[in-house]
Amino acid sequence: MPMEESNKETIVQGLMRMLYAFPFIFSGPALLVGKGRTGAWYWGALSIVLMLAAVVLVVTGLRKVLTGFFGERK
């Protein structure tokens, strides 16, 4: 039984999407600790939005990487 090859383009796209999430992973919590607790309400809201954007980018990037390795679900 022949093995399927990985789709390298999809894997790279997923890794790039996870790379784009990297700044949000650190800036969201840093903003929350620095400004969110003592500053105006919008600093806390902005930090939560940044953290949610990081989670969304990481999850979608990981799904793309796994799709590149294993293919689409049937």
C-alpha atoms as a PDB file:
ATOM      1  CA  MET A   1       0.000   0.000   0.000  1.00  0.00           C
ATOM      2  CA  PRO A   2       1.667   3.280  -1.089  1.00  0.00           C
ATOM      3  CA  MET A   3       1.992   6.064   1.443  1.00  0.00           C
ATOM      4  CA  GLU A   4       0.635   9.492   0.597  1.00  0.00           C
ATOM      5  CA  GLU A   5       3.062  12.373   0.562  1.00  0.00           C
ATOM      6  CA  SER A   6       2.637  15.412   2.758  1.00  0.00           C
ATOM      7  CA  ASN A   7       1.385  18.615   1.218  1.00  0.00           C
ATOM      8  CA  LYS A   8       4.338  20.872   1.971  1.00  0.00           C
ATOM      9  CA  GLU A   9       2.633  24.087   0.862  1.00  0.00           C
ATOM     10  CA  THR A  10      -0.231  23.573   3.309  1.00  0.00           C
ATOM     11  CA  ILE A  11       2.188  22.771   6.109  1.00  0.00           C
ATOM     12  CA  VAL A  12       4.169  25.944   5.442  1.00  0.00           C
ATOM     13  CA  GLN A  13       0.967  28.018   5.328  1.00  0.00           C
ATOM     14  CA  GLY A  14      -0.058  26.621   8.707  1.00  0.00           C
ATOM     15  CA  LEU A  15       3.350  27.292  10.218  1.00  0.00           C
ATOM     16  CA  MET A  16       3.301  30.841   8.878  1.00  0.00           C
ATOM     17  CA  ARG A  17      -0.114  31.410  10.412  1.00  0.00           C
ATOM     18  CA  MET A  18       1.219  30.184  13.742  1.00  0.00           C
ATOM     19  CA  LEU A  19       4.238  32.461  13.307  1.00  0.00           C
ATOM     20  CA  TYR A  20       1.911  35.443  12.821  1.00  0.00           C
ATOM     21  CA  ALA A  21       0.292  34.600  16.159  1.00  0.00           C
ATOM     22  CA  PHE A  22       3.612  34.752  17.995  1.00  0.00           C
ATOM     23  CA  PRO A  23       3.586  38.527  18.721  1.00  0.00           C
ATOM     24  CA  PHE A  24      -0.007  38.363  19.954  1.00  0.00           C
ATOM     25  CA  ILE A  25       0.874  35.558  22.362  1.00  0.00           C
ATOM     26  CA  PHE A  26       3.189  37.888  24.272  1.00  0.00           C
ATOM     27  CA  SER A  27       1.684  41.320  23.685  1.00  0.00           C
ATOM     28  CA  GLY A  28      -1.800  40.421  24.952  1.00  0.00           C
ATOM     29  CA  PRO A  29      -0.791  39.265  28.449  1.00  0.00           C
ATOM     30  CA  ALA A  30       1.900  41.962  28.716  1.00  0.00           C
ATOM     31  CA  LEU A  31      -0.665  44.636  27.923  1.00  0.00           C
ATOM     32  CA  LEU A  32      -3.106  43.137  30.413  1.00  0.00           C
ATOM     33  CA  VAL A  33      -0.562  43.130  33.220  1.00  0.00           C
ATOM     34  CA  GLY A  34       0.920  46.519  32.316  1.00  0.00           C
ATOM     35  CA  LYS A  35      -2.113  48.650  31.511  1.00  0.00           C
ATOM     36  CA  GLY A  36      -5.227  46.523  31.782  1.00  0.00           C
ATOM     37  CA  ARG A  37      -5.602  46.386  35.531  1.00  0.00           C
ATOM     38  CA  THR A  38      -4.896  50.003  36.410  1.00  0.00           C
ATOM     39  CA  GLY A  39      -5.620  51.890  33.193  1.00  0.00           C
ATOM     40  CA  ALA A  40      -8.804  52.579  31.314  1.00  0.00           C
ATOM     41  CA  TRP A  41     -11.188  49.745  30.410  1.00  0.00           C
ATOM     42  CA  TYR A  42     -10.200  49.699  26.745  1.00  0.00           C
ATOM     43  CA  TRP A  43      -6.660  48.492  27.560  1.00  0.00           C
ATOM     44  CA  GLY A  44      -8.102  45.378  29.150  1.00  0.00           C
ATOM     45  CA  ALA A  45     -10.482  44.874  26.236  1.00  0.00           C
ATOM     46  CA  LEU A  46      -7.669  45.318  23.714  1.00  0.00           C
ATOM     47  CA  SER A  47      -5.496  42.790  25.534  1.00  0.00           C
ATOM     48  CA  ILE A  48      -8.322  40.237  25.550  1.00  0.00           C
ATOM     49  CA  VAL A  49      -8.879  40.780  21.820  1.00  0.00           C
ATOM     50  CA  LEU A  50      -5.154  40.275  21.180  1.00  0.00           C
ATOM     51  CA  MET A  51      -5.139  37.047  23.186  1.00  0.00           C
ATOM     52  CA  LEU A  52      -8.225  35.754  21.364  1.00  0.00           C
ATOM     53  CA  ALA A  53      -6.603  36.595  18.021  1.00  0.00           C
ATOM     54  CA  ALA A  54      -3.545  34.589  19.081  1.00  0.00           C
ATOM     55  CA  VAL A  55      -5.676  31.591  20.011  1.00  0.00           C
ATOM     56  CA  VAL A  56      -7.599  31.723  16.729  1.00  0.00           C
ATOM     57  CA  LEU A  57      -4.422  31.997  14.654  1.00  0.00           C
ATOM     58  CA  VAL A  58      -2.698  29.149  16.488  1.00  0.00           C
ATOM     59  CA  VAL A  59      -5.690  26.820  16.244  1.00  0.00           C
ATOM     60  CA  THR A  60      -6.300  27.507  12.559  1.00  0.00           C
ATOM     61  CA  GLY A  61      -2.575  27.176  11.836  1.00  0.00           C
ATOM     62  CA  LEU A  62      -2.415  23.857  13.656  1.00  0.00           C
ATOM     63  CA  ARG A  63      -5.451  22.605  11.729  1.00  0.00           C
ATOM     64  CA  LYS A  64      -3.729  23.556   8.479  1.00  0.00           C
ATOM     65  CA  VAL A  65      -0.519  21.762   9.481  1.00  0.00           C
ATOM     66  CA  LEU A  66      -2.433  18.617  10.394  1.00  0.00           C
ATOM     67  CA  THR A  67      -4.350  18.819   7.110  1.00  0.00           C
ATOM     68  CA  GLY A  68      -1.029  19.053   5.303  1.00  0.00           C
ATOM     69  CA  PHE A  69       0.238  15.915   7.028  1.00  0.00           C
ATOM     70  CA  PHE A  70      -2.870  13.755   6.972  1.00  0.00           C
ATOM     71  CA  GLY A  71      -5.054  15.224   4.217  1.00  0.00           C
ATOM     72  CA  GLU A  72      -8.690  16.214   4.335  1.00  0.00           C
ATOM     73  CA  ARG A  73     -11.219  14.307   6.373  1.00  0.00           C
ATOM     74  CA  LYS A  74     -13.324  11.918   4.385  1.00  0.00           C
END
